[in-house]
Amino acid sequence: MLHVLYLVGIAAFAASGVLAAHRADMDPFGGLALAFAAAISGGTLRDVILDRHPLYWTHDWVLLTLIIVVAVVTMAYLRFRHLPRRSLLVVDALGLAVVTVIGARAAIESEVTPLAVLILSVMTGVTGEVIRDVLCGEFPPLLLREEVYAVAAFAGAGCYLAMHAAGVSDGPAAVVSACLVFVLRITAIYFGVQLPRPRTGGSIRLGGRLRIRRRHG
């Protein structure tokens, strides 16, 4: 079950890379490059930090073939169909949910501390999106524009870690935790949920001008 779930997450990230490339008016090569960047960057960074060799994707022909197939199919779909509104965000949420949980499992298997599990899980989930957005010229990346993004990944990683500590088997723990990440992210997208932001008074100098920020509340 976990391997199937992982392939679903990789496919979702590959599709999100193509959607982002399409929105940025890139050619098919750019779409394929972003599909790979979004799909494998997070896991690659995690494995490098954990000193796991060889890297997980270098000997997995199924995974690499899946990324190529999903990228080509998505590009073919976009050639004849209009890009649905919010499609990138929804597909991205699915990839974030699954890959974050897989990152938590890999970190636990490496016997790192619980705090390191949380950090590595979030890094696994968000790195691909950050690289994808930077390559598309999206700045700041989605991670820095949407508060309930890394927070959703953190919550899912914490849920998986807690269920693992409680003795819940990997399959149900992964499904529940991934669903938590997905629900949190989708709720934030469709209902505009944001974390509270501090509001302070004072002045800020921007571009040679002095702008006054008033105190509210």
N, C-alpha and C. Protein backbone atom coordinates (compact mmCIF):
# COMPACT_ATOMS: atom_id res chain seq x y z
N MET A 1 0.83 -1.21 0.00
CA MET A 1 0.00 0.00 0.00
C MET A 1 0.86 1.26 0.00
N LEU A 2 1.92 1.24 0.81
CA LEU A 2 2.76 2.43 0.91
C LEU A 2 3.44 2.75 -0.42
N HIS A 3 3.85 1.71 -1.14
CA HIS A 3 4.50 1.97 -2.42
C HIS A 3 3.52 2.57 -3.42
N VAL A 4 2.31 2.07 -3.43
CA VAL A 4 1.28 2.63 -4.32
C VAL A 4 0.99 4.07 -3.94
N LEU A 5 0.88 4.33 -2.64
CA LEU A 5 0.63 5.69 -2.17
C LEU A 5 1.77 6.62 -2.58
N TYR A 6 2.98 6.11 -2.49
CA TYR A 6 4.15 6.90 -2.87
C TYR A 6 4.12 7.24 -4.36
N LEU A 7 3.78 6.28 -5.18
CA LEU A 7 3.70 6.52 -6.63
C LEU A 7 2.63 7.56 -6.95
N VAL A 8 1.54 7.54 -6.19
CA VAL A 8 0.48 8.54 -6.38
C VAL A 8 1.02 9.93 -6.09
N GLY A 9 1.79 10.06 -5.01
CA GLY A 9 2.37 11.36 -4.67
C GLY A 9 3.37 11.84 -5.70
N ILE A 10 4.20 10.94 -6.19
CA ILE A 10 5.18 11.29 -7.22
C ILE A 10 4.46 11.73 -8.50
N ALA A 11 3.41 11.00 -8.87
CA ALA A 11 2.64 11.36 -10.06
C ALA A 11 2.01 12.73 -9.92
N ALA A 12 1.49 13.02 -8.73
CA ALA A 12 0.86 14.32 -8.49
C ALA A 12 1.88 15.44 -8.62
N PHE A 13 3.07 15.26 -8.06
CA PHE A 13 4.11 16.28 -8.17
C PHE A 13 4.59 16.45 -9.61
N ALA A 14 4.70 15.33 -10.34
CA ALA A 14 5.09 15.42 -11.73
C ALA A 14 4.07 16.24 -12.52
N ALA A 15 2.79 15.99 -12.28
CA ALA A 15 1.74 16.75 -12.95
C ALA A 15 1.78 18.22 -12.55
N SER A 16 2.08 18.48 -11.28
CA SER A 16 2.14 19.88 -10.83
C SER A 16 3.29 20.62 -11.51
N GLY A 17 4.39 19.91 -11.76
CA GLY A 17 5.51 20.53 -12.47
C GLY A 17 5.13 20.93 -13.88
N VAL A 18 4.40 20.05 -14.57
CA VAL A 18 3.95 20.36 -15.93
C VAL A 18 2.94 21.50 -15.92
N LEU A 19 2.03 21.50 -14.97
CA LEU A 19 1.04 22.58 -14.88
C LEU A 19 1.72 23.93 -14.64
N ALA A 20 2.73 23.92 -13.78
CA ALA A 20 3.47 25.16 -13.51
C ALA A 20 4.22 25.63 -14.75
N ALA A 21 4.81 24.69 -15.48
CA ALA A 21 5.52 25.03 -16.71
C ALA A 21 4.56 25.58 -17.76
N HIS A 22 3.37 24.99 -17.84
CA HIS A 22 2.35 25.47 -18.78
C HIS A 22 1.93 26.90 -18.45
N ARG A 23 1.74 27.15 -17.18
CA ARG A 23 1.34 28.50 -16.76
C ARG A 23 2.44 29.52 -17.03
N ALA A 24 3.70 29.07 -17.02
CA ALA A 24 4.83 29.95 -17.29
C ALA A 24 5.20 29.99 -18.77
N ASP A 25 4.38 29.37 -19.63
CA ASP A 25 4.60 29.35 -21.08
C ASP A 25 5.92 28.70 -21.47
N MET A 26 6.30 27.63 -20.77
CA MET A 26 7.50 26.90 -21.12
C MET A 26 7.22 25.88 -22.22
N ASP A 27 8.28 25.42 -22.91
CA ASP A 27 8.12 24.41 -23.94
C ASP A 27 8.05 23.01 -23.30
N PRO A 28 7.81 21.95 -24.11
CA PRO A 28 7.70 20.60 -23.53
C PRO A 28 8.92 20.16 -22.73
N PHE A 29 10.12 20.55 -23.17
CA PHE A 29 11.30 20.18 -22.40
C PHE A 29 11.25 20.82 -21.00
N GLY A 30 10.81 22.08 -20.95
CA GLY A 30 10.67 22.74 -19.66
C GLY A 30 9.65 22.03 -18.78
N GLY A 31 8.56 21.57 -19.40
CA GLY A 31 7.55 20.83 -18.63
C GLY A 31 8.11 19.54 -18.07
N LEU A 32 8.91 18.82 -18.87
CA LEU A 32 9.50 17.57 -18.40
C LEU A 32 10.53 17.83 -17.30
N ALA A 33 11.31 18.88 -17.48
CA ALA A 33 12.32 19.22 -16.47
C ALA A 33 11.66 19.57 -15.14
N LEU A 34 10.58 20.34 -15.19
CA LEU A 34 9.88 20.71 -13.95
C LEU A 34 9.16 19.53 -13.33
N ALA A 35 8.71 18.59 -14.17
CA ALA A 35 8.08 17.38 -13.63
C ALA A 35 9.08 16.61 -12.77
N PHE A 36 10.31 16.45 -13.27
CA PHE A 36 11.33 15.74 -12.50
C PHE A 36 11.76 16.55 -11.28
N ALA A 37 11.90 17.86 -11.45
CA ALA A 37 12.32 18.71 -10.33
C ALA A 37 11.32 18.65 -9.18
N ALA A 38 10.04 18.73 -9.53
CA ALA A 38 9.01 18.71 -8.49
C ALA A 38 8.88 17.34 -7.84
N ALA A 39 9.10 16.28 -8.63
CA ALA A 39 8.84 14.93 -8.14
C ALA A 39 9.96 14.36 -7.27
N ILE A 40 11.21 14.65 -7.58
CA ILE A 40 12.30 13.95 -6.90
C ILE A 40 13.19 14.83 -6.04
N SER A 41 13.03 16.14 -6.09
CA SER A 41 13.95 17.02 -5.36
C SER A 41 13.87 16.84 -3.85
N GLY A 42 12.64 16.74 -3.32
CA GLY A 42 12.49 16.61 -1.88
C GLY A 42 13.10 15.33 -1.34
N GLY A 43 12.81 14.21 -2.01
CA GLY A 43 13.38 12.94 -1.57
C GLY A 43 14.88 12.89 -1.73
N THR A 44 15.38 13.54 -2.77
CA THR A 44 16.83 13.57 -2.98
C THR A 44 17.52 14.32 -1.84
N LEU A 45 16.98 15.48 -1.49
CA LEU A 45 17.57 16.25 -0.38
C LEU A 45 17.52 15.45 0.91
N ARG A 46 16.40 14.78 1.16
CA ARG A 46 16.27 13.97 2.37
C ARG A 46 17.32 12.86 2.41
N ASP A 47 17.49 12.14 1.30
CA ASP A 47 18.45 11.03 1.28
C ASP A 47 19.88 11.52 1.41
N VAL A 48 20.18 12.69 0.83
CA VAL A 48 21.53 13.25 0.97
C VAL A 48 21.81 13.58 2.43
N ILE A 49 20.85 14.18 3.11
CA ILE A 49 21.03 14.54 4.52
C ILE A 49 21.18 13.28 5.38
N LEU A 50 20.38 12.24 5.07
CA LEU A 50 20.44 11.01 5.84
C LEU A 50 21.58 10.08 5.39
N ASP A 51 22.33 10.51 4.36
CA ASP A 51 23.44 9.73 3.82
C ASP A 51 22.98 8.35 3.36
N ARG A 52 21.84 8.35 2.66
CA ARG A 52 21.30 7.10 2.12
C ARG A 52 21.73 6.98 0.66
N HIS A 53 22.47 5.91 0.36
CA HIS A 53 22.97 5.70 -1.00
C HIS A 53 22.70 4.26 -1.42
N PRO A 54 22.41 4.05 -2.72
CA PRO A 54 22.23 5.08 -3.76
C PRO A 54 20.92 5.82 -3.57
N LEU A 55 20.81 6.99 -4.19
CA LEU A 55 19.58 7.76 -4.09
C LEU A 55 18.40 6.93 -4.57
N TYR A 56 17.27 7.09 -3.91
CA TYR A 56 16.13 6.18 -4.09
C TYR A 56 15.66 6.06 -5.53
N TRP A 57 15.79 7.12 -6.32
CA TRP A 57 15.21 7.10 -7.66
C TRP A 57 16.17 6.62 -8.74
N THR A 58 17.44 6.48 -8.41
CA THR A 58 18.42 6.15 -9.44
C THR A 58 18.31 4.71 -9.93
N HIS A 59 17.69 3.82 -9.15
CA HIS A 59 17.53 2.43 -9.56
C HIS A 59 16.05 2.03 -9.64
N ASP A 60 15.17 2.99 -9.63
CA ASP A 60 13.73 2.71 -9.68
C ASP A 60 13.18 3.11 -11.04
N TRP A 61 13.23 2.17 -12.00
CA TRP A 61 12.80 2.50 -13.35
C TRP A 61 11.30 2.73 -13.41
N VAL A 62 10.54 2.12 -12.49
CA VAL A 62 9.09 2.33 -12.46
C VAL A 62 8.78 3.79 -12.14
N LEU A 63 9.47 4.32 -11.14
CA LEU A 63 9.24 5.71 -10.73
C LEU A 63 9.61 6.68 -11.85
N LEU A 64 10.77 6.47 -12.47
CA LEU A 64 11.21 7.38 -13.53
C LEU A 64 10.28 7.29 -14.74
N THR A 65 9.84 6.08 -15.07
CA THR A 65 8.90 5.92 -16.17
C THR A 65 7.58 6.60 -15.86
N LEU A 66 7.13 6.47 -14.62
CA LEU A 66 5.88 7.10 -14.21
C LEU A 66 5.94 8.61 -14.38
N ILE A 67 7.05 9.22 -13.98
CA ILE A 67 7.18 10.67 -14.11
C ILE A 67 7.09 11.08 -15.58
N ILE A 68 7.78 10.36 -16.44
CA ILE A 68 7.76 10.69 -17.87
C ILE A 68 6.36 10.53 -18.45
N VAL A 69 5.71 9.42 -18.12
CA VAL A 69 4.36 9.16 -18.65
C VAL A 69 3.37 10.22 -18.17
N VAL A 70 3.40 10.52 -16.88
CA VAL A 70 2.49 11.53 -16.34
C VAL A 70 2.75 12.89 -16.98
N ALA A 71 4.03 13.23 -17.17
CA ALA A 71 4.37 14.51 -17.79
C ALA A 71 3.84 14.59 -19.21
N VAL A 72 4.04 13.55 -19.98
CA VAL A 72 3.60 13.54 -21.38
C VAL A 72 2.08 13.58 -21.46
N VAL A 73 1.41 12.79 -20.65
CA VAL A 73 -0.06 12.77 -20.66
C VAL A 73 -0.62 14.13 -20.25
N THR A 74 -0.03 14.73 -19.24
CA THR A 74 -0.49 16.05 -18.79
C THR A 74 -0.29 17.10 -19.86
N MET A 75 0.86 17.07 -20.53
CA MET A 75 1.10 18.03 -21.61
C MET A 75 0.12 17.82 -22.76
N ALA A 76 -0.18 16.56 -23.07
CA ALA A 76 -1.15 16.27 -24.13
C ALA A 76 -2.54 16.78 -23.75
N TYR A 77 -2.91 16.60 -22.49
CA TYR A 77 -4.21 17.09 -22.02
C TYR A 77 -4.29 18.60 -22.13
N LEU A 78 -3.23 19.28 -21.72
CA LEU A 78 -3.23 20.74 -21.75
C LEU A 78 -3.22 21.30 -23.17
N ARG A 79 -2.84 20.48 -24.12
CA ARG A 79 -2.82 20.93 -25.51
C ARG A 79 -4.24 21.09 -26.06
N PHE A 80 -5.17 20.32 -25.49
CA PHE A 80 -6.54 20.33 -26.00
C PHE A 80 -7.56 20.85 -24.99
N ARG A 81 -7.15 21.01 -23.77
CA ARG A 81 -8.07 21.45 -22.72
C ARG A 81 -7.53 22.68 -22.02
N HIS A 82 -8.44 23.50 -21.53
CA HIS A 82 -8.05 24.69 -20.77
C HIS A 82 -7.62 24.28 -19.37
N LEU A 83 -6.63 24.96 -18.86
CA LEU A 83 -6.13 24.67 -17.52
C LEU A 83 -7.20 25.02 -16.48
N PRO A 84 -7.73 24.02 -15.75
CA PRO A 84 -8.77 24.30 -14.76
C PRO A 84 -8.27 25.23 -13.66
N ARG A 85 -9.16 26.06 -13.19
CA ARG A 85 -8.81 27.00 -12.13
C ARG A 85 -8.43 26.24 -10.86
N ARG A 86 -7.37 26.65 -10.25
CA ARG A 86 -6.84 26.07 -9.01
C ARG A 86 -6.35 24.64 -9.17
N SER A 87 -6.24 24.15 -10.39
CA SER A 87 -5.81 22.77 -10.59
C SER A 87 -4.40 22.53 -10.06
N LEU A 88 -3.51 23.50 -10.28
CA LEU A 88 -2.14 23.35 -9.80
C LEU A 88 -2.11 23.22 -8.28
N LEU A 89 -2.91 24.03 -7.60
CA LEU A 89 -2.91 24.01 -6.14
C LEU A 89 -3.45 22.68 -5.60
N VAL A 90 -4.48 22.15 -6.25
CA VAL A 90 -5.08 20.90 -5.78
C VAL A 90 -4.13 19.73 -6.00
N VAL A 91 -3.55 19.64 -7.19
CA VAL A 91 -2.60 18.56 -7.48
C VAL A 91 -1.39 18.69 -6.57
N ASP A 92 -0.95 19.90 -6.35
CA ASP A 92 0.20 20.15 -5.47
C ASP A 92 -0.11 19.69 -4.04
N ALA A 93 -1.35 19.93 -3.59
CA ALA A 93 -1.75 19.50 -2.24
C ALA A 93 -1.70 17.99 -2.09
N LEU A 94 -2.10 17.28 -3.14
CA LEU A 94 -2.05 15.82 -3.09
C LEU A 94 -0.60 15.34 -3.00
N GLY A 95 0.27 15.91 -3.82
CA GLY A 95 1.67 15.53 -3.76
C GLY A 95 2.29 15.85 -2.42
N LEU A 96 2.00 17.03 -1.89
CA LEU A 96 2.52 17.43 -0.59
C LEU A 96 2.11 16.45 0.49
N ALA A 97 0.84 16.04 0.47
CA ALA A 97 0.32 15.14 1.50
C ALA A 97 1.06 13.81 1.51
N VAL A 98 1.19 13.21 0.34
CA VAL A 98 1.78 11.87 0.26
C VAL A 98 3.29 11.90 0.51
N VAL A 99 3.99 12.81 -0.14
CA VAL A 99 5.44 12.82 -0.04
C VAL A 99 5.91 13.20 1.37
N THR A 100 5.16 14.07 2.03
CA THR A 100 5.51 14.42 3.41
C THR A 100 5.48 13.19 4.31
N VAL A 101 4.44 12.39 4.17
CA VAL A 101 4.31 11.19 5.00
C VAL A 101 5.39 10.16 4.67
N ILE A 102 5.69 9.99 3.39
CA ILE A 102 6.76 9.08 3.00
C ILE A 102 8.10 9.56 3.56
N GLY A 103 8.29 10.87 3.59
CA GLY A 103 9.50 11.44 4.18
C GLY A 103 9.60 11.13 5.66
N ALA A 104 8.47 11.18 6.35
CA ALA A 104 8.45 10.86 7.78
C ALA A 104 8.83 9.40 8.01
N ARG A 105 8.29 8.54 7.18
CA ARG A 105 8.61 7.10 7.32
C ARG A 105 10.09 6.84 7.08
N ALA A 106 10.65 7.47 6.05
CA ALA A 106 12.07 7.27 5.76
C ALA A 106 12.95 7.78 6.89
N ALA A 107 12.57 8.91 7.48
CA ALA A 107 13.35 9.47 8.58
C ALA A 107 13.28 8.57 9.82
N ILE A 108 12.10 8.03 10.08
CA ILE A 108 11.95 7.13 11.23
C ILE A 108 12.79 5.87 11.03
N GLU A 109 12.80 5.34 9.81
CA GLU A 109 13.60 4.16 9.51
C GLU A 109 15.09 4.42 9.72
N SER A 110 15.51 5.67 9.56
CA SER A 110 16.92 6.03 9.76
C SER A 110 17.24 6.29 11.22
N GLU A 111 16.23 6.16 12.09
CA GLU A 111 16.40 6.27 13.54
C GLU A 111 16.94 7.63 13.97
N VAL A 112 16.43 8.68 13.38
CA VAL A 112 16.80 10.03 13.81
C VAL A 112 15.87 10.45 14.94
N THR A 113 16.14 11.58 15.54
CA THR A 113 15.33 12.07 16.65
C THR A 113 13.95 12.50 16.14
N PRO A 114 12.94 12.52 17.02
CA PRO A 114 11.60 12.94 16.60
C PRO A 114 11.56 14.32 15.95
N LEU A 115 12.34 15.27 16.49
CA LEU A 115 12.37 16.60 15.90
C LEU A 115 12.96 16.55 14.49
N ALA A 116 13.99 15.73 14.32
CA ALA A 116 14.58 15.58 12.98
C ALA A 116 13.59 14.94 12.01
N VAL A 117 12.77 14.04 12.50
CA VAL A 117 11.74 13.43 11.67
C VAL A 117 10.80 14.51 11.13
N LEU A 118 10.36 15.41 12.00
CA LEU A 118 9.46 16.48 11.58
C LEU A 118 10.12 17.39 10.55
N ILE A 119 11.36 17.76 10.82
CA ILE A 119 12.07 18.67 9.91
C ILE A 119 12.28 18.02 8.55
N LEU A 120 12.74 16.78 8.55
CA LEU A 120 13.01 16.09 7.29
C LEU A 120 11.72 15.83 6.51
N SER A 121 10.64 15.58 7.22
CA SER A 121 9.35 15.36 6.56
C SER A 121 8.90 16.60 5.81
N VAL A 122 8.98 17.74 6.49
CA VAL A 122 8.57 19.00 5.85
C VAL A 122 9.49 19.32 4.68
N MET A 123 10.78 19.11 4.86
CA MET A 123 11.73 19.37 3.77
C MET A 123 11.43 18.48 2.56
N THR A 124 11.11 17.22 2.83
CA THR A 124 10.78 16.31 1.74
C THR A 124 9.54 16.78 0.99
N GLY A 125 8.56 17.27 1.74
CA GLY A 125 7.31 17.69 1.12
C GLY A 125 7.39 18.98 0.34
N VAL A 126 8.19 19.94 0.79
CA VAL A 126 8.13 21.28 0.19
C VAL A 126 9.27 21.61 -0.77
N THR A 127 10.37 20.84 -0.73
CA THR A 127 11.53 21.21 -1.55
C THR A 127 11.22 21.21 -3.04
N GLY A 128 10.50 20.20 -3.50
CA GLY A 128 10.18 20.14 -4.92
C GLY A 128 9.38 21.33 -5.40
N GLU A 129 8.43 21.78 -4.57
CA GLU A 129 7.61 22.93 -4.95
C GLU A 129 8.43 24.21 -4.98
N VAL A 130 9.33 24.35 -4.03
CA VAL A 130 10.17 25.55 -4.00
C VAL A 130 11.03 25.62 -5.25
N ILE A 131 11.69 24.52 -5.60
CA ILE A 131 12.53 24.49 -6.80
C ILE A 131 11.69 24.72 -8.05
N ARG A 132 10.53 24.10 -8.11
CA ARG A 132 9.64 24.29 -9.25
C ARG A 132 9.25 25.74 -9.42
N ASP A 133 8.86 26.39 -8.33
CA ASP A 133 8.42 27.79 -8.41
C ASP A 133 9.57 28.71 -8.78
N VAL A 134 10.75 28.45 -8.24
CA VAL A 134 11.92 29.29 -8.57
C VAL A 134 12.25 29.16 -10.05
N LEU A 135 12.22 27.94 -10.59
CA LEU A 135 12.52 27.73 -12.01
C LEU A 135 11.47 28.39 -12.90
N CYS A 136 10.26 28.54 -12.38
CA CYS A 136 9.19 29.19 -13.14
C CYS A 136 9.21 30.71 -12.98
N GLY A 137 10.12 31.21 -12.16
CA GLY A 137 10.16 32.64 -11.93
C GLY A 137 9.12 33.13 -10.95
N GLU A 138 8.52 32.20 -10.20
CA GLU A 138 7.53 32.56 -9.18
C GLU A 138 8.26 32.93 -7.90
N PHE A 139 8.22 34.21 -7.55
CA PHE A 139 8.89 34.60 -6.33
C PHE A 139 8.05 35.64 -5.58
N PRO A 140 7.84 35.42 -4.27
CA PRO A 140 8.36 34.29 -3.50
C PRO A 140 7.64 32.99 -3.85
N PRO A 141 8.27 31.84 -3.61
CA PRO A 141 7.64 30.55 -3.89
C PRO A 141 6.36 30.37 -3.09
N LEU A 142 5.56 29.38 -3.50
CA LEU A 142 4.28 29.11 -2.84
C LEU A 142 4.46 28.90 -1.34
N LEU A 143 5.55 28.26 -0.97
CA LEU A 143 5.82 28.00 0.44
C LEU A 143 5.83 29.27 1.27
N LEU A 144 6.35 30.35 0.71
CA LEU A 144 6.48 31.61 1.45
C LEU A 144 5.27 32.52 1.26
N ARG A 145 4.35 32.15 0.37
CA ARG A 145 3.15 32.96 0.15
C ARG A 145 1.93 32.40 0.85
N GLU A 146 1.95 31.11 1.12
CA GLU A 146 0.81 30.44 1.72
C GLU A 146 1.21 29.89 3.08
N GLU A 147 0.61 30.46 4.15
CA GLU A 147 1.01 30.03 5.50
C GLU A 147 0.64 28.58 5.77
N VAL A 148 -0.59 28.18 5.39
CA VAL A 148 -1.03 26.81 5.66
C VAL A 148 -0.50 25.91 4.54
N TYR A 149 0.79 25.76 4.52
CA TYR A 149 1.46 24.92 3.53
C TYR A 149 2.49 24.06 4.26
N ALA A 150 3.55 24.69 4.71
CA ALA A 150 4.50 23.96 5.54
C ALA A 150 3.84 23.54 6.85
N VAL A 151 2.89 24.34 7.33
CA VAL A 151 2.17 23.99 8.56
C VAL A 151 1.37 22.71 8.37
N ALA A 152 0.74 22.57 7.20
CA ALA A 152 -0.01 21.35 6.90
C ALA A 152 0.93 20.14 6.86
N ALA A 153 2.09 20.32 6.25
CA ALA A 153 3.07 19.23 6.19
C ALA A 153 3.56 18.88 7.59
N PHE A 154 3.80 19.89 8.41
CA PHE A 154 4.25 19.67 9.77
C PHE A 154 3.20 18.89 10.57
N ALA A 155 1.93 19.25 10.39
CA ALA A 155 0.85 18.56 11.10
C ALA A 155 0.76 17.10 10.68
N GLY A 156 0.88 16.84 9.37
CA GLY A 156 0.82 15.47 8.90
C GLY A 156 2.00 14.64 9.39
N ALA A 157 3.18 15.23 9.40
CA ALA A 157 4.36 14.52 9.91
C ALA A 157 4.21 14.21 11.39
N GLY A 158 3.68 15.18 12.15
CA GLY A 158 3.45 14.96 13.57
C GLY A 158 2.43 13.86 13.82
N CYS A 159 1.39 13.84 12.98
CA CYS A 159 0.36 12.80 13.10
C CYS A 159 0.96 11.42 12.84
N TYR A 160 1.77 11.31 11.79
CA TYR A 160 2.37 10.01 11.47
C TYR A 160 3.33 9.58 12.58
N LEU A 161 4.12 10.50 13.08
CA LEU A 161 5.07 10.18 14.15
C LEU A 161 4.34 9.69 15.39
N ALA A 162 3.23 10.36 15.74
CA ALA A 162 2.46 9.98 16.92
C ALA A 162 1.82 8.60 16.74
N MET A 163 1.27 8.35 15.56
CA MET A 163 0.63 7.06 15.31
C MET A 163 1.65 5.93 15.28
N HIS A 164 2.83 6.23 14.74
CA HIS A 164 3.91 5.22 14.75
C HIS A 164 4.32 4.91 16.19
N ALA A 165 4.45 5.93 17.01
CA ALA A 165 4.83 5.72 18.42
C ALA A 165 3.75 4.95 19.17
N ALA A 166 2.50 5.09 18.73
CA ALA A 166 1.39 4.39 19.38
C ALA A 166 1.24 2.96 18.88
N GLY A 167 2.07 2.56 17.95
CA GLY A 167 2.03 1.19 17.46
C GLY A 167 1.10 0.94 16.30
N VAL A 168 0.57 2.00 15.67
CA VAL A 168 -0.30 1.83 14.52
C VAL A 168 0.55 1.39 13.32
N SER A 169 0.05 0.47 12.53
CA SER A 169 0.80 -0.03 11.39
C SER A 169 1.01 1.07 10.35
N ASP A 170 2.03 0.88 9.51
CA ASP A 170 2.44 1.93 8.58
C ASP A 170 1.35 2.34 7.59
N GLY A 171 0.61 1.36 7.07
CA GLY A 171 -0.41 1.66 6.06
C GLY A 171 -1.48 2.62 6.56
N PRO A 172 -2.21 2.25 7.61
CA PRO A 172 -3.25 3.16 8.13
C PRO A 172 -2.68 4.49 8.61
N ALA A 173 -1.51 4.47 9.23
CA ALA A 173 -0.91 5.71 9.72
C ALA A 173 -0.59 6.64 8.56
N ALA A 174 -0.08 6.08 7.46
CA ALA A 174 0.25 6.90 6.30
C ALA A 174 -1.00 7.49 5.66
N VAL A 175 -2.05 6.69 5.53
CA VAL A 175 -3.29 7.17 4.90
C VAL A 175 -3.92 8.28 5.73
N VAL A 176 -4.02 8.08 7.03
CA VAL A 176 -4.64 9.08 7.91
C VAL A 176 -3.82 10.38 7.90
N SER A 177 -2.52 10.26 7.99
CA SER A 177 -1.66 11.45 8.03
C SER A 177 -1.69 12.20 6.71
N ALA A 178 -1.66 11.48 5.60
CA ALA A 178 -1.73 12.12 4.29
C ALA A 178 -3.07 12.83 4.10
N CYS A 179 -4.14 12.20 4.55
CA CYS A 179 -5.47 12.83 4.47
C CYS A 179 -5.52 14.12 5.29
N LEU A 180 -4.85 14.11 6.44
CA LEU A 180 -4.82 15.31 7.27
C LEU A 180 -4.13 16.46 6.54
N VAL A 181 -2.98 16.18 5.93
CA VAL A 181 -2.26 17.22 5.18
C VAL A 181 -3.13 17.74 4.04
N PHE A 182 -3.74 16.83 3.29
CA PHE A 182 -4.55 17.21 2.13
C PHE A 182 -5.75 18.06 2.55
N VAL A 183 -6.45 17.64 3.60
CA VAL A 183 -7.63 18.38 4.06
C VAL A 183 -7.24 19.78 4.54
N LEU A 184 -6.16 19.88 5.29
CA LEU A 184 -5.72 21.18 5.78
C LEU A 184 -5.37 22.11 4.62
N ARG A 185 -4.67 21.58 3.64
CA ARG A 185 -4.25 22.40 2.50
C ARG A 185 -5.43 22.80 1.62
N ILE A 186 -6.32 21.86 1.34
CA ILE A 186 -7.50 22.16 0.52
C ILE A 186 -8.41 23.15 1.22
N THR A 187 -8.57 22.99 2.53
CA THR A 187 -9.38 23.94 3.29
C THR A 187 -8.81 25.34 3.20
N ALA A 188 -7.50 25.44 3.30
CA ALA A 188 -6.84 26.75 3.19
C ALA A 188 -7.04 27.35 1.81
N ILE A 189 -7.02 26.51 0.77
CA ILE A 189 -7.17 26.99 -0.60
C ILE A 189 -8.58 27.51 -0.86
N TYR A 190 -9.57 26.70 -0.51
CA TYR A 190 -10.95 27.01 -0.90
C TYR A 190 -11.65 27.97 0.05
N PHE A 191 -11.17 28.05 1.28
CA PHE A 191 -11.82 28.95 2.23
C PHE A 191 -10.94 30.11 2.65
N GLY A 192 -9.78 30.22 2.04
CA GLY A 192 -8.91 31.35 2.33
C GLY A 192 -8.41 31.39 3.75
N VAL A 193 -8.18 30.21 4.35
CA VAL A 193 -7.72 30.14 5.73
C VAL A 193 -6.25 30.55 5.80
N GLN A 194 -5.94 31.45 6.71
CA GLN A 194 -4.58 31.90 6.91
C GLN A 194 -4.28 31.98 8.40
N LEU A 195 -3.02 31.83 8.74
CA LEU A 195 -2.62 31.98 10.13
C LEU A 195 -2.65 33.46 10.50
N PRO A 196 -2.91 33.75 11.77
CA PRO A 196 -2.90 35.15 12.21
C PRO A 196 -1.55 35.80 11.95
N ARG A 197 -1.58 37.03 11.49
CA ARG A 197 -0.34 37.77 11.23
C ARG A 197 -0.19 38.89 12.25
N PRO A 198 1.02 39.09 12.76
CA PRO A 198 1.22 40.19 13.71
C PRO A 198 1.03 41.54 13.03
N ARG A 199 0.36 42.44 13.72
CA ARG A 199 0.16 43.79 13.20
C ARG A 199 0.82 44.77 14.16
N THR A 200 1.78 45.47 13.67
CA THR A 200 2.53 46.38 14.52
C THR A 200 2.53 47.77 13.91
N GLY A 201 2.75 48.75 14.77
CA GLY A 201 2.86 50.12 14.29
C GLY A 201 4.30 50.43 13.93
N GLY A 202 4.56 51.65 13.53
CA GLY A 202 5.92 52.04 13.20
C GLY A 202 6.06 52.42 11.76
N SER A 203 7.28 52.68 11.36
CA SER A 203 7.53 53.11 9.99
C SER A 203 8.48 52.15 9.30
N ILE A 204 8.31 52.02 8.00
CA ILE A 204 9.16 51.16 7.19
C ILE A 204 9.66 51.96 6.00
N ARG A 205 10.95 51.89 5.76
CA ARG A 205 11.52 52.61 4.62
C ARG A 205 11.69 51.62 3.47
N LEU A 206 11.00 51.88 2.36
CA LEU A 206 11.04 51.02 1.20
C LEU A 206 11.37 51.86 -0.03
N GLY A 207 12.44 51.45 -0.74
CA GLY A 207 12.77 52.12 -1.99
C GLY A 207 12.99 53.61 -1.84
N GLY A 208 13.58 54.02 -0.73
CA GLY A 208 13.86 55.43 -0.55
C GLY A 208 12.69 56.23 -0.01
N ARG A 209 11.52 55.59 0.15
CA ARG A 209 10.35 56.29 0.68
C ARG A 209 10.05 55.80 2.09
N LEU A 210 9.49 56.70 2.84
CA LEU A 210 9.12 56.34 4.20
C LEU A 210 7.64 56.05 4.22
N ARG A 211 7.28 54.81 4.55
CA ARG A 211 5.88 54.45 4.60
C ARG A 211 5.48 54.20 6.05
N ILE A 212 4.35 54.73 6.42
CA ILE A 212 3.87 54.59 7.79
C ILE A 212 2.89 53.44 7.84
N ARG A 213 3.11 52.53 8.79
CA ARG A 213 2.19 51.43 8.98
C ARG A 213 1.44 51.69 10.27
N ARG A 214 0.14 51.78 10.18
CA ARG A 214 -0.68 52.10 11.35
C ARG A 214 -0.93 50.84 12.18
N ARG A 215 -1.20 51.07 13.42
CA ARG A 215 -1.54 49.99 14.32
C ARG A 215 -3.02 49.72 14.24
N HIS A 216 -3.40 48.44 14.10
CA HIS A 216 -4.79 48.07 13.99
C HIS A 216 -5.17 47.21 15.19
N GLY A 217 -6.43 47.20 15.48
CA GLY A 217 -6.96 46.31 16.50
C GLY A 217 -6.75 46.83 17.90
